[in-house]
Amino acid sequence: MKASLSRELIALRAVKELSEGMYVNLGIGLPTLVSQFIPEGMEVMLHAENGVLGYGRITTEDKEMDIDLVNAGLQPVTLRPGASFFNHADSFAMIRGGHIDLVILGGYQVSEKGDLANWTTSFERVGAVGGAMDLACGVKRVVVLMQHVTASGEPRIVRQCTYPLTAREVVNTIITDLAVIEVVKEGLIVKEIAPGWTPEEVQSLTEPKLMVAPDLREIEL
């Protein structure tokens, strides 16, 4: 198998989806890494459903760590100037009220129509829905970060999800270790591709038919 983007590089590419002044929620897992790469001077307010707005990067340094200050994935985080705290009800009111501009979620599967399955698989007896269903349905734009295929080589971008759905037709953009793909009414458009890969090779690892953007380019970090 050719080399593909690391988890860190996927997160770094996801930062390009952010813009000044955005209110952004980062899902558990791979999306939490995005906080590590937001430029110092960029004013982006990170929201977590456990009740914090305006947190910063994940920290492992004892002098910065506060065991009571964590993101939704229970990782210790720093605070940025102007941060605030509130209860779960207020946090979910922000989500359900459409006040969050962008959510970046992990995914097990995404369908060609933008259906998302990200809370359990057929191999797990229980799953953790968390705030994913509210976020997928209540946030203005949904970006999904994931590996292009499973550990056994099965496509994660599928015609129809076989895992329990989080939400239907909500995903706008998929960023994998191989490509950046936009979900539109007509289907899936490959906009960017990993270095050394061809559209045909990405298609061979993708279940639905992919359209190739006329201005296809190498993934920009």
N, C-alpha and C. Protein backbone atom coordinates (compact mmCIF):
# COMPACT_ATOMS: atom_id res chain seq x y z
N MET A 1 0.85 -1.20 0.00
CA MET A 1 0.00 0.00 0.00
C MET A 1 0.88 1.25 0.00
N LYS A 2 0.54 2.22 -0.80
CA LYS A 2 1.28 3.48 -0.85
C LYS A 2 1.14 4.23 0.47
N ALA A 3 2.07 5.15 0.69
CA ALA A 3 1.99 5.99 1.89
C ALA A 3 0.78 6.91 1.79
N SER A 4 0.13 7.13 2.93
CA SER A 4 -1.02 8.03 2.98
C SER A 4 -0.81 9.03 4.11
N LEU A 5 -1.73 9.96 4.27
CA LEU A 5 -1.58 10.97 5.31
C LEU A 5 -1.71 10.36 6.70
N SER A 6 -0.89 10.83 7.62
CA SER A 6 -1.00 10.41 9.02
C SER A 6 -2.22 11.08 9.66
N ARG A 7 -2.58 10.64 10.85
CA ARG A 7 -3.69 11.26 11.58
C ARG A 7 -3.43 12.74 11.79
N GLU A 8 -2.18 13.07 12.10
CA GLU A 8 -1.83 14.47 12.34
C GLU A 8 -1.99 15.31 11.07
N LEU A 9 -1.62 14.74 9.93
CA LEU A 9 -1.75 15.50 8.68
C LEU A 9 -3.21 15.63 8.26
N ILE A 10 -4.03 14.63 8.56
CA ILE A 10 -5.47 14.77 8.30
C ILE A 10 -6.02 15.94 9.11
N ALA A 11 -5.63 15.99 10.41
CA ALA A 11 -6.09 17.08 11.28
C ALA A 11 -5.58 18.43 10.79
N LEU A 12 -4.33 18.47 10.34
CA LEU A 12 -3.76 19.71 9.82
C LEU A 12 -4.52 20.19 8.59
N ARG A 13 -4.89 19.26 7.71
CA ARG A 13 -5.69 19.65 6.53
C ARG A 13 -7.06 20.18 6.95
N ALA A 14 -7.62 19.60 8.00
CA ALA A 14 -8.95 20.03 8.46
C ALA A 14 -8.95 21.48 8.92
N VAL A 15 -7.81 21.97 9.38
CA VAL A 15 -7.73 23.37 9.84
C VAL A 15 -8.09 24.33 8.72
N LYS A 16 -7.85 23.93 7.46
CA LYS A 16 -8.17 24.79 6.33
C LYS A 16 -9.68 24.99 6.17
N GLU A 17 -10.48 24.17 6.87
CA GLU A 17 -11.94 24.34 6.83
C GLU A 17 -12.40 25.43 7.79
N LEU A 18 -11.51 25.89 8.66
CA LEU A 18 -11.85 26.91 9.65
C LEU A 18 -11.61 28.30 9.07
N SER A 19 -12.34 29.26 9.58
CA SER A 19 -12.11 30.65 9.21
C SER A 19 -12.33 31.54 10.42
N GLU A 20 -11.80 32.72 10.33
CA GLU A 20 -11.83 33.69 11.43
C GLU A 20 -13.25 33.90 11.96
N GLY A 21 -13.38 33.85 13.29
CA GLY A 21 -14.65 34.14 13.93
C GLY A 21 -15.61 32.97 14.04
N MET A 22 -15.22 31.80 13.57
CA MET A 22 -16.10 30.64 13.61
C MET A 22 -16.28 30.10 15.03
N TYR A 23 -17.46 29.52 15.27
CA TYR A 23 -17.73 28.71 16.46
C TYR A 23 -17.71 27.26 16.00
N VAL A 24 -16.80 26.46 16.58
CA VAL A 24 -16.50 25.14 16.04
C VAL A 24 -16.54 24.09 17.15
N ASN A 25 -17.14 22.94 16.86
CA ASN A 25 -17.12 21.81 17.77
C ASN A 25 -16.25 20.71 17.17
N LEU A 26 -15.37 20.14 17.99
CA LEU A 26 -14.50 19.05 17.55
C LEU A 26 -14.94 17.76 18.21
N GLY A 27 -15.29 16.76 17.41
CA GLY A 27 -15.74 15.49 17.94
C GLY A 27 -14.62 14.71 18.60
N ILE A 28 -15.00 13.64 19.28
CA ILE A 28 -14.06 12.78 20.00
C ILE A 28 -13.21 11.99 19.01
N GLY A 29 -11.97 11.69 19.39
CA GLY A 29 -11.07 10.92 18.55
C GLY A 29 -10.21 11.79 17.67
N LEU A 30 -10.04 11.39 16.43
CA LEU A 30 -9.20 12.12 15.48
C LEU A 30 -9.50 13.61 15.41
N PRO A 31 -10.76 14.05 15.41
CA PRO A 31 -11.02 15.50 15.32
C PRO A 31 -10.43 16.33 16.44
N THR A 32 -10.21 15.74 17.62
CA THR A 32 -9.64 16.53 18.72
C THR A 32 -8.24 17.04 18.38
N LEU A 33 -7.55 16.34 17.47
CA LEU A 33 -6.19 16.76 17.09
C LEU A 33 -6.19 18.10 16.37
N VAL A 34 -7.32 18.48 15.79
CA VAL A 34 -7.40 19.74 15.04
C VAL A 34 -7.03 20.92 15.93
N SER A 35 -7.37 20.84 17.22
CA SER A 35 -7.07 21.95 18.14
C SER A 35 -5.57 22.21 18.26
N GLN A 36 -4.75 21.21 17.95
CA GLN A 36 -3.30 21.35 18.07
C GLN A 36 -2.69 22.17 16.95
N PHE A 37 -3.44 22.37 15.87
CA PHE A 37 -2.87 22.99 14.67
C PHE A 37 -3.52 24.32 14.29
N ILE A 38 -4.44 24.81 15.11
CA ILE A 38 -5.06 26.11 14.82
C ILE A 38 -4.02 27.20 15.03
N PRO A 39 -3.77 28.06 14.04
CA PRO A 39 -2.74 29.10 14.19
C PRO A 39 -3.00 29.98 15.40
N GLU A 40 -1.94 30.40 16.05
CA GLU A 40 -2.02 31.17 17.29
C GLU A 40 -2.89 32.41 17.15
N GLY A 41 -2.79 33.11 16.03
CA GLY A 41 -3.53 34.36 15.88
C GLY A 41 -4.94 34.22 15.34
N MET A 42 -5.36 32.99 15.03
CA MET A 42 -6.69 32.79 14.44
C MET A 42 -7.75 32.77 15.53
N GLU A 43 -8.76 33.62 15.41
CA GLU A 43 -9.83 33.69 16.40
C GLU A 43 -10.94 32.70 16.06
N VAL A 44 -10.80 31.50 16.60
CA VAL A 44 -11.80 30.45 16.45
C VAL A 44 -12.22 30.02 17.85
N MET A 45 -13.52 30.01 18.11
CA MET A 45 -14.03 29.63 19.42
C MET A 45 -14.41 28.15 19.40
N LEU A 46 -13.65 27.34 20.14
CA LEU A 46 -13.94 25.91 20.20
C LEU A 46 -14.98 25.63 21.27
N HIS A 47 -16.00 24.89 20.88
CA HIS A 47 -17.13 24.56 21.76
C HIS A 47 -17.09 23.06 22.06
N ALA A 48 -17.35 22.71 23.31
CA ALA A 48 -17.47 21.30 23.69
C ALA A 48 -18.79 21.09 24.40
N GLU A 49 -19.46 19.98 24.10
CA GLU A 49 -20.80 19.77 24.63
C GLU A 49 -20.82 19.54 26.14
N ASN A 50 -19.66 19.29 26.74
CA ASN A 50 -19.63 19.16 28.21
C ASN A 50 -19.62 20.52 28.91
N GLY A 51 -19.65 21.63 28.14
CA GLY A 51 -19.89 22.92 28.76
C GLY A 51 -18.76 23.92 28.78
N VAL A 52 -17.99 24.00 27.71
CA VAL A 52 -16.93 25.01 27.63
C VAL A 52 -16.91 25.61 26.23
N LEU A 53 -16.70 26.91 26.18
CA LEU A 53 -16.58 27.63 24.92
C LEU A 53 -15.31 28.47 24.98
N GLY A 54 -14.41 28.25 24.01
CA GLY A 54 -13.19 29.03 23.98
C GLY A 54 -11.98 28.30 24.55
N TYR A 55 -11.98 26.96 24.47
CA TYR A 55 -10.79 26.23 24.94
C TYR A 55 -9.74 26.22 23.84
N GLY A 56 -8.52 25.81 24.23
CA GLY A 56 -7.41 25.82 23.30
C GLY A 56 -6.92 24.42 22.99
N ARG A 57 -5.61 24.26 22.99
CA ARG A 57 -5.03 22.97 22.60
C ARG A 57 -5.08 21.96 23.74
N ILE A 58 -4.92 20.70 23.38
CA ILE A 58 -4.77 19.63 24.36
C ILE A 58 -3.39 19.79 25.00
N THR A 59 -3.30 19.57 26.31
CA THR A 59 -2.01 19.72 26.99
C THR A 59 -1.65 18.47 27.78
N THR A 60 -0.36 18.20 27.86
CA THR A 60 0.15 17.09 28.67
C THR A 60 1.14 17.61 29.72
N GLU A 61 1.28 18.92 29.78
CA GLU A 61 2.24 19.52 30.71
C GLU A 61 1.58 19.72 32.08
N ASP A 62 2.25 19.22 33.13
CA ASP A 62 1.69 19.28 34.49
C ASP A 62 1.36 20.70 34.91
N LYS A 63 2.20 21.66 34.55
CA LYS A 63 2.00 23.03 35.00
C LYS A 63 0.77 23.68 34.36
N GLU A 64 0.32 23.13 33.21
CA GLU A 64 -0.85 23.67 32.52
C GLU A 64 -2.11 22.86 32.81
N MET A 65 -1.94 21.66 33.34
CA MET A 65 -3.05 20.72 33.42
C MET A 65 -3.94 20.98 34.61
N ASP A 66 -5.26 20.93 34.36
CA ASP A 66 -6.27 21.03 35.40
C ASP A 66 -7.23 19.86 35.15
N ILE A 67 -7.32 18.93 36.09
CA ILE A 67 -8.11 17.71 35.86
C ILE A 67 -9.60 18.02 35.68
N ASP A 68 -10.02 19.21 36.08
CA ASP A 68 -11.43 19.59 35.90
C ASP A 68 -11.68 20.33 34.60
N LEU A 69 -10.61 20.59 33.84
CA LEU A 69 -10.74 21.33 32.58
C LEU A 69 -10.41 20.39 31.43
N VAL A 70 -11.46 19.82 30.81
CA VAL A 70 -11.28 18.84 29.75
C VAL A 70 -12.24 19.12 28.60
N ASN A 71 -11.91 18.57 27.43
CA ASN A 71 -12.83 18.64 26.30
C ASN A 71 -13.82 17.48 26.39
N ALA A 72 -14.65 17.29 25.38
CA ALA A 72 -15.67 16.25 25.43
C ALA A 72 -15.07 14.85 25.43
N GLY A 73 -13.82 14.73 24.99
CA GLY A 73 -13.12 13.45 25.01
C GLY A 73 -12.35 13.22 26.28
N LEU A 74 -12.55 14.09 27.29
CA LEU A 74 -11.89 14.01 28.60
C LEU A 74 -10.38 14.22 28.51
N GLN A 75 -9.94 14.94 27.50
CA GLN A 75 -8.52 15.29 27.38
C GLN A 75 -8.29 16.66 28.01
N PRO A 76 -7.25 16.81 28.83
CA PRO A 76 -6.96 18.11 29.44
C PRO A 76 -6.66 19.16 28.37
N VAL A 77 -7.28 20.33 28.51
CA VAL A 77 -7.09 21.39 27.53
C VAL A 77 -6.73 22.70 28.23
N THR A 78 -6.20 23.62 27.45
CA THR A 78 -5.92 24.96 27.93
C THR A 78 -7.13 25.85 27.63
N LEU A 79 -7.11 27.06 28.17
CA LEU A 79 -8.17 28.02 27.88
C LEU A 79 -7.61 29.18 27.09
N ARG A 80 -8.42 29.75 26.20
CA ARG A 80 -8.04 30.95 25.48
C ARG A 80 -8.75 32.14 26.12
N PRO A 81 -8.23 33.35 25.93
CA PRO A 81 -8.88 34.53 26.51
C PRO A 81 -10.35 34.62 26.11
N GLY A 82 -11.20 34.89 27.08
CA GLY A 82 -12.63 35.00 26.82
C GLY A 82 -13.41 33.71 26.96
N ALA A 83 -12.76 32.63 27.40
CA ALA A 83 -13.45 31.35 27.54
C ALA A 83 -14.54 31.43 28.60
N SER A 84 -15.56 30.57 28.45
CA SER A 84 -16.66 30.56 29.41
C SER A 84 -17.13 29.13 29.66
N PHE A 85 -17.85 28.94 30.79
CA PHE A 85 -18.35 27.63 31.17
C PHE A 85 -19.85 27.70 31.39
N PHE A 86 -20.55 26.57 31.16
CA PHE A 86 -22.00 26.52 31.31
C PHE A 86 -22.40 25.06 31.45
N ASN A 87 -23.69 24.83 31.75
CA ASN A 87 -24.12 23.46 31.93
C ASN A 87 -24.47 22.78 30.60
N HIS A 88 -24.75 21.47 30.67
CA HIS A 88 -25.03 20.70 29.46
C HIS A 88 -26.26 21.24 28.71
N ALA A 89 -27.26 21.66 29.46
CA ALA A 89 -28.48 22.14 28.81
C ALA A 89 -28.18 23.34 27.92
N ASP A 90 -27.39 24.28 28.42
CA ASP A 90 -27.03 25.46 27.63
C ASP A 90 -26.15 25.06 26.44
N SER A 91 -25.25 24.11 26.69
CA SER A 91 -24.36 23.68 25.62
C SER A 91 -25.14 23.07 24.46
N PHE A 92 -26.13 22.22 24.79
CA PHE A 92 -26.93 21.59 23.74
C PHE A 92 -27.91 22.58 23.12
N ALA A 93 -28.30 23.60 23.86
CA ALA A 93 -29.14 24.65 23.28
C ALA A 93 -28.37 25.40 22.20
N MET A 94 -27.08 25.60 22.41
CA MET A 94 -26.25 26.23 21.39
C MET A 94 -26.22 25.38 20.12
N ILE A 95 -26.10 24.05 20.31
CA ILE A 95 -26.04 23.14 19.17
C ILE A 95 -27.39 23.09 18.46
N ARG A 96 -28.43 22.82 19.22
CA ARG A 96 -29.76 22.64 18.62
C ARG A 96 -30.33 23.94 18.07
N GLY A 97 -29.85 25.05 18.59
CA GLY A 97 -30.32 26.35 18.12
C GLY A 97 -29.61 26.84 16.87
N GLY A 98 -28.66 26.06 16.35
CA GLY A 98 -27.98 26.44 15.12
C GLY A 98 -26.91 27.50 15.31
N HIS A 99 -26.34 27.59 16.53
CA HIS A 99 -25.36 28.64 16.82
C HIS A 99 -23.92 28.21 16.57
N ILE A 100 -23.69 26.94 16.25
CA ILE A 100 -22.34 26.45 15.97
C ILE A 100 -22.17 26.39 14.46
N ASP A 101 -21.10 27.01 13.96
CA ASP A 101 -20.89 27.12 12.52
C ASP A 101 -20.44 25.83 11.87
N LEU A 102 -19.59 25.08 12.57
CA LEU A 102 -18.95 23.91 11.96
C LEU A 102 -18.71 22.85 13.02
N VAL A 103 -18.96 21.60 12.67
CA VAL A 103 -18.55 20.49 13.53
C VAL A 103 -17.64 19.57 12.71
N ILE A 104 -16.58 19.12 13.34
CA ILE A 104 -15.67 18.15 12.72
C ILE A 104 -15.80 16.86 13.51
N LEU A 105 -16.31 15.82 12.86
CA LEU A 105 -16.60 14.54 13.52
C LEU A 105 -15.75 13.43 12.92
N GLY A 106 -15.55 12.37 13.69
CA GLY A 106 -14.99 11.14 13.16
C GLY A 106 -16.09 10.33 12.51
N GLY A 107 -15.74 9.27 11.80
CA GLY A 107 -16.76 8.46 11.16
C GLY A 107 -16.31 7.03 10.95
N TYR A 108 -17.27 6.11 11.06
CA TYR A 108 -17.05 4.71 10.66
C TYR A 108 -17.39 4.53 9.19
N GLN A 109 -18.49 5.18 8.77
CA GLN A 109 -18.91 5.13 7.38
C GLN A 109 -19.60 6.44 6.99
N VAL A 110 -19.45 6.81 5.72
CA VAL A 110 -20.23 7.90 5.13
C VAL A 110 -20.77 7.38 3.80
N SER A 111 -22.05 7.62 3.55
CA SER A 111 -22.65 7.16 2.29
C SER A 111 -22.51 8.21 1.21
N GLU A 112 -22.83 7.80 -0.02
CA GLU A 112 -22.75 8.72 -1.15
C GLU A 112 -23.75 9.88 -1.05
N LYS A 113 -24.75 9.73 -0.18
CA LYS A 113 -25.73 10.80 0.03
C LYS A 113 -25.38 11.67 1.23
N GLY A 114 -24.26 11.35 1.90
CA GLY A 114 -23.87 12.12 3.08
C GLY A 114 -24.44 11.60 4.38
N ASP A 115 -25.00 10.38 4.38
CA ASP A 115 -25.42 9.75 5.64
C ASP A 115 -24.17 9.46 6.46
N LEU A 116 -24.29 9.60 7.78
CA LEU A 116 -23.14 9.40 8.67
C LEU A 116 -23.44 8.29 9.68
N ALA A 117 -22.48 7.37 9.82
CA ALA A 117 -22.52 6.35 10.88
C ALA A 117 -21.23 6.50 11.67
N ASN A 118 -21.34 6.95 12.92
CA ASN A 118 -20.09 7.19 13.66
C ASN A 118 -20.17 6.86 15.14
N TRP A 119 -21.23 6.15 15.59
CA TRP A 119 -21.32 5.92 17.03
C TRP A 119 -21.21 4.46 17.43
N THR A 120 -21.41 3.53 16.51
CA THR A 120 -21.23 2.12 16.84
C THR A 120 -21.08 1.35 15.54
N THR A 121 -20.54 0.14 15.65
CA THR A 121 -20.42 -0.74 14.50
C THR A 121 -21.15 -2.05 14.81
N SER A 122 -21.26 -2.90 13.82
CA SER A 122 -21.94 -4.18 14.03
C SER A 122 -21.13 -5.11 14.94
N PHE A 123 -19.87 -4.74 15.22
CA PHE A 123 -19.02 -5.58 16.05
C PHE A 123 -19.04 -5.16 17.52
N GLU A 124 -19.70 -4.07 17.82
CA GLU A 124 -19.74 -3.57 19.19
C GLU A 124 -21.12 -3.81 19.79
N ARG A 125 -21.14 -4.27 21.02
CA ARG A 125 -22.42 -4.53 21.68
C ARG A 125 -23.09 -3.24 22.13
N VAL A 126 -22.28 -2.27 22.49
CA VAL A 126 -22.83 -0.98 22.89
C VAL A 126 -22.07 0.11 22.15
N GLY A 127 -22.66 1.27 22.07
CA GLY A 127 -22.00 2.40 21.44
C GLY A 127 -22.15 3.63 22.30
N ALA A 128 -21.46 4.68 21.92
CA ALA A 128 -21.53 5.94 22.67
C ALA A 128 -22.01 7.03 21.72
N VAL A 129 -23.30 7.32 21.77
CA VAL A 129 -23.85 8.34 20.89
C VAL A 129 -23.31 9.71 21.25
N GLY A 130 -23.21 10.00 22.56
CA GLY A 130 -22.72 11.30 23.00
C GLY A 130 -23.56 12.41 22.40
N GLY A 131 -22.91 13.45 21.90
CA GLY A 131 -23.64 14.56 21.29
C GLY A 131 -23.65 14.49 19.78
N ALA A 132 -23.18 13.36 19.21
CA ALA A 132 -22.99 13.29 17.75
C ALA A 132 -24.28 13.52 16.97
N MET A 133 -25.39 12.95 17.43
CA MET A 133 -26.64 13.10 16.68
C MET A 133 -27.11 14.55 16.68
N ASP A 134 -27.01 15.20 17.84
CA ASP A 134 -27.39 16.61 17.92
C ASP A 134 -26.48 17.46 17.05
N LEU A 135 -25.18 17.19 17.12
CA LEU A 135 -24.21 17.97 16.35
C LEU A 135 -24.42 17.79 14.85
N ALA A 136 -24.61 16.56 14.42
CA ALA A 136 -24.77 16.28 12.99
C ALA A 136 -26.01 16.97 12.42
N CYS A 137 -27.05 17.08 13.23
CA CYS A 137 -28.32 17.65 12.75
C CYS A 137 -28.47 19.14 13.06
N GLY A 138 -27.73 19.64 14.07
CA GLY A 138 -27.95 21.01 14.52
C GLY A 138 -26.93 22.02 14.09
N VAL A 139 -25.79 21.56 13.58
CA VAL A 139 -24.70 22.46 13.21
C VAL A 139 -24.78 22.80 11.73
N LYS A 140 -24.35 23.99 11.37
CA LYS A 140 -24.53 24.50 10.01
C LYS A 140 -23.75 23.69 8.96
N ARG A 141 -22.56 23.19 9.32
CA ARG A 141 -21.74 22.46 8.35
C ARG A 141 -21.04 21.30 9.05
N VAL A 142 -21.01 20.13 8.39
CA VAL A 142 -20.44 18.92 8.98
C VAL A 142 -19.27 18.43 8.13
N VAL A 143 -18.10 18.32 8.76
CA VAL A 143 -16.91 17.76 8.13
C VAL A 143 -16.56 16.47 8.86
N VAL A 144 -16.26 15.41 8.12
CA VAL A 144 -15.92 14.12 8.73
C VAL A 144 -14.47 13.78 8.41
N LEU A 145 -13.72 13.41 9.44
CA LEU A 145 -12.34 12.96 9.29
C LEU A 145 -12.29 11.46 9.57
N MET A 146 -11.63 10.71 8.68
CA MET A 146 -11.51 9.28 8.92
C MET A 146 -10.48 8.66 7.97
N GLN A 147 -10.06 7.44 8.29
CA GLN A 147 -9.25 6.67 7.37
C GLN A 147 -10.13 6.26 6.18
N HIS A 148 -9.55 6.17 5.00
CA HIS A 148 -10.34 5.89 3.80
C HIS A 148 -10.90 4.46 3.82
N VAL A 149 -10.14 3.54 4.40
CA VAL A 149 -10.60 2.14 4.49
C VAL A 149 -10.40 1.64 5.91
N THR A 150 -11.04 0.52 6.23
CA THR A 150 -10.90 -0.10 7.55
C THR A 150 -9.55 -0.82 7.64
N ALA A 151 -9.25 -1.33 8.81
CA ALA A 151 -8.00 -2.07 9.02
C ALA A 151 -7.91 -3.29 8.11
N SER A 152 -9.07 -3.84 7.71
CA SER A 152 -9.08 -5.00 6.83
C SER A 152 -9.21 -4.62 5.36
N GLY A 153 -9.19 -3.30 5.07
CA GLY A 153 -9.21 -2.84 3.69
C GLY A 153 -10.58 -2.60 3.09
N GLU A 154 -11.63 -2.63 3.92
CA GLU A 154 -12.99 -2.38 3.41
C GLU A 154 -13.25 -0.88 3.30
N PRO A 155 -13.95 -0.44 2.25
CA PRO A 155 -14.23 1.00 2.10
C PRO A 155 -15.06 1.54 3.26
N ARG A 156 -14.74 2.74 3.68
CA ARG A 156 -15.56 3.46 4.66
C ARG A 156 -16.54 4.41 3.97
N ILE A 157 -16.22 4.77 2.72
CA ILE A 157 -17.14 5.58 1.92
C ILE A 157 -17.94 4.60 1.07
N VAL A 158 -19.23 4.51 1.36
CA VAL A 158 -20.05 3.41 0.83
C VAL A 158 -21.30 3.94 0.12
N ARG A 159 -21.93 3.07 -0.64
CA ARG A 159 -23.20 3.45 -1.27
C ARG A 159 -24.29 3.65 -0.22
N GLN A 160 -24.32 2.72 0.73
CA GLN A 160 -25.30 2.79 1.80
C GLN A 160 -24.66 2.30 3.09
N CYS A 161 -24.82 3.05 4.17
CA CYS A 161 -24.21 2.66 5.44
C CYS A 161 -24.81 1.36 5.95
N THR A 162 -23.96 0.48 6.44
CA THR A 162 -24.40 -0.78 7.04
C THR A 162 -24.36 -0.73 8.56
N TYR A 163 -23.75 0.31 9.11
CA TYR A 163 -23.73 0.51 10.56
C TYR A 163 -24.91 1.40 10.95
N PRO A 164 -25.32 1.36 12.23
CA PRO A 164 -26.42 2.23 12.68
C PRO A 164 -26.11 3.70 12.39
N LEU A 165 -27.09 4.41 11.84
CA LEU A 165 -26.87 5.79 11.43
C LEU A 165 -26.85 6.76 12.60
N THR A 166 -26.02 7.77 12.46
CA THR A 166 -26.03 8.92 13.35
C THR A 166 -27.04 9.94 12.83
N ALA A 167 -27.00 10.21 11.52
CA ALA A 167 -27.93 11.14 10.88
C ALA A 167 -27.88 10.93 9.38
N ARG A 168 -28.97 11.31 8.72
CA ARG A 168 -29.07 11.15 7.27
C ARG A 168 -28.75 12.46 6.53
N GLU A 169 -27.98 12.33 5.46
CA GLU A 169 -27.72 13.42 4.50
C GLU A 169 -27.25 14.71 5.20
N VAL A 170 -26.24 14.57 6.05
CA VAL A 170 -25.76 15.73 6.80
C VAL A 170 -24.31 16.10 6.47
N VAL A 171 -23.53 15.18 5.93
CA VAL A 171 -22.09 15.42 5.73
C VAL A 171 -21.87 16.31 4.51
N ASN A 172 -21.06 17.34 4.69
CA ASN A 172 -20.71 18.25 3.59
C ASN A 172 -19.36 17.92 2.97
N THR A 173 -18.40 17.56 3.83
CA THR A 173 -17.03 17.30 3.35
C THR A 173 -16.46 16.10 4.09
N ILE A 174 -15.74 15.25 3.36
CA ILE A 174 -15.02 14.12 3.95
C ILE A 174 -13.53 14.34 3.71
N ILE A 175 -12.75 14.25 4.78
CA ILE A 175 -11.29 14.33 4.65
C ILE A 175 -10.71 13.02 5.15
N THR A 176 -10.05 12.29 4.27
CA THR A 176 -9.44 11.02 4.65
C THR A 176 -7.93 11.11 4.46
N ASP A 177 -7.27 9.98 4.69
CA ASP A 177 -5.83 9.93 4.49
C ASP A 177 -5.46 9.88 3.01
N LEU A 178 -6.49 9.81 2.13
CA LEU A 178 -6.23 9.74 0.69
C LEU A 178 -6.80 10.90 -0.10
N ALA A 179 -7.85 11.54 0.40
CA ALA A 179 -8.53 12.53 -0.44
C ALA A 179 -9.40 13.47 0.38
N VAL A 180 -9.73 14.60 -0.24
CA VAL A 180 -10.74 15.52 0.26
C VAL A 180 -11.91 15.43 -0.71
N ILE A 181 -13.08 15.08 -0.19
CA ILE A 181 -14.24 14.79 -1.03
C ILE A 181 -15.42 15.64 -0.58
N GLU A 182 -16.04 16.33 -1.52
CA GLU A 182 -17.23 17.13 -1.24
C GLU A 182 -18.48 16.30 -1.54
N VAL A 183 -19.47 16.41 -0.66
CA VAL A 183 -20.74 15.73 -0.87
C VAL A 183 -21.73 16.75 -1.45
N VAL A 184 -22.20 16.49 -2.65
CA VAL A 184 -23.16 17.39 -3.30
C VAL A 184 -24.39 16.57 -3.71
N LYS A 185 -25.41 17.25 -4.19
CA LYS A 185 -26.66 16.58 -4.57
C LYS A 185 -26.42 15.49 -5.60
N GLU A 186 -25.47 15.72 -6.50
CA GLU A 186 -25.21 14.77 -7.58
C GLU A 186 -24.35 13.59 -7.15
N GLY A 187 -23.70 13.69 -5.99
CA GLY A 187 -22.84 12.61 -5.53
C GLY A 187 -21.59 13.12 -4.84
N LEU A 188 -20.47 12.44 -5.06
CA LEU A 188 -19.22 12.73 -4.37
C LEU A 188 -18.18 13.25 -5.35
N ILE A 189 -17.57 14.39 -5.02
CA ILE A 189 -16.56 15.01 -5.88
C ILE A 189 -15.21 15.00 -5.18
N VAL A 190 -14.21 14.39 -5.81
CA VAL A 190 -12.84 14.43 -5.28
C VAL A 190 -12.25 15.78 -5.64
N LYS A 191 -11.91 16.56 -4.61
CA LYS A 191 -11.35 17.91 -4.84
C LYS A 191 -9.83 17.93 -4.68
N GLU A 192 -9.32 17.12 -3.73
CA GLU A 192 -7.88 17.06 -3.47
C GLU A 192 -7.50 15.60 -3.26
N ILE A 193 -6.24 15.28 -3.55
CA ILE A 193 -5.80 13.90 -3.48
C ILE A 193 -4.42 13.83 -2.83
N ALA A 194 -4.15 12.75 -2.11
CA ALA A 194 -2.87 12.61 -1.40
C ALA A 194 -1.72 12.50 -2.39
N PRO A 195 -0.54 12.99 -2.02
CA PRO A 195 0.63 12.92 -2.90
C PRO A 195 0.92 11.48 -3.34
N GLY A 196 1.15 11.31 -4.65
CA GLY A 196 1.50 9.99 -5.17
C GLY A 196 0.33 9.11 -5.53
N TRP A 197 -0.89 9.59 -5.27
CA TRP A 197 -2.08 8.79 -5.56
C TRP A 197 -2.78 9.32 -6.82
N THR A 198 -3.51 8.44 -7.50
CA THR A 198 -4.29 8.84 -8.66
C THR A 198 -5.78 8.70 -8.33
N PRO A 199 -6.64 9.41 -9.06
CA PRO A 199 -8.09 9.25 -8.84
C PRO A 199 -8.55 7.81 -9.01
N GLU A 200 -7.95 7.09 -9.92
CA GLU A 200 -8.33 5.69 -10.16
C GLU A 200 -8.01 4.82 -8.95
N GLU A 201 -6.88 5.09 -8.32
CA GLU A 201 -6.50 4.31 -7.13
C GLU A 201 -7.43 4.61 -5.96
N VAL A 202 -7.81 5.89 -5.80
CA VAL A 202 -8.75 6.25 -4.74
C VAL A 202 -10.11 5.63 -5.02
N GLN A 203 -10.53 5.64 -6.29
CA GLN A 203 -11.81 5.03 -6.67
C GLN A 203 -11.85 3.54 -6.33
N SER A 204 -10.73 2.85 -6.51
CA SER A 204 -10.68 1.41 -6.24
C SER A 204 -10.89 1.08 -4.77
N LEU A 205 -10.73 2.09 -3.89
CA LEU A 205 -10.92 1.90 -2.46
C LEU A 205 -12.19 2.58 -1.96
N THR A 206 -13.04 2.96 -2.90
CA THR A 206 -14.28 3.68 -2.59
C THR A 206 -15.45 2.96 -3.26
N GLU A 207 -16.52 2.71 -2.52
CA GLU A 207 -17.64 1.94 -3.08
C GLU A 207 -18.45 2.72 -4.12
N PRO A 208 -18.95 3.92 -3.81
CA PRO A 208 -19.73 4.65 -4.82
C PRO A 208 -18.82 5.28 -5.88
N LYS A 209 -19.42 5.62 -7.00
CA LYS A 209 -18.69 6.28 -8.08
C LYS A 209 -18.30 7.68 -7.66
N LEU A 210 -17.04 8.04 -7.90
CA LEU A 210 -16.54 9.37 -7.57
C LEU A 210 -16.48 10.23 -8.83
N MET A 211 -16.86 11.49 -8.68
CA MET A 211 -16.62 12.47 -9.73
C MET A 211 -15.31 13.19 -9.40
N VAL A 212 -14.58 13.57 -10.42
CA VAL A 212 -13.28 14.23 -10.22
C VAL A 212 -13.42 15.69 -10.59
N ALA A 213 -13.06 16.56 -9.67
CA ALA A 213 -13.14 18.00 -9.93
C ALA A 213 -12.20 18.38 -11.07
N PRO A 214 -12.62 19.29 -11.95
CA PRO A 214 -11.76 19.72 -13.06
C PRO A 214 -10.46 20.37 -12.58
N ASP A 215 -10.51 20.95 -11.36
CA ASP A 215 -9.32 21.58 -10.80
C ASP A 215 -8.70 20.72 -9.72
N LEU A 216 -8.79 19.39 -9.84
CA LEU A 216 -8.21 18.48 -8.86
C LEU A 216 -6.76 18.83 -8.57
N ARG A 217 -6.40 18.85 -7.30
CA ARG A 217 -5.04 19.19 -6.92
C ARG A 217 -4.58 18.31 -5.77
N GLU A 218 -3.30 18.37 -5.50
CA GLU A 218 -2.72 17.64 -4.36
C GLU A 218 -3.23 18.26 -3.07
N ILE A 219 -3.42 17.42 -2.05
CA ILE A 219 -3.92 17.92 -0.76
C ILE A 219 -2.99 19.03 -0.25
N GLU A 220 -3.58 20.15 0.11
CA GLU A 220 -2.82 21.30 0.60
C GLU A 220 -2.88 21.34 2.11
N LEU A 221 -1.74 21.52 2.75
CA LEU A 221 -1.69 21.55 4.21
C LEU A 221 -1.34 22.95 4.70
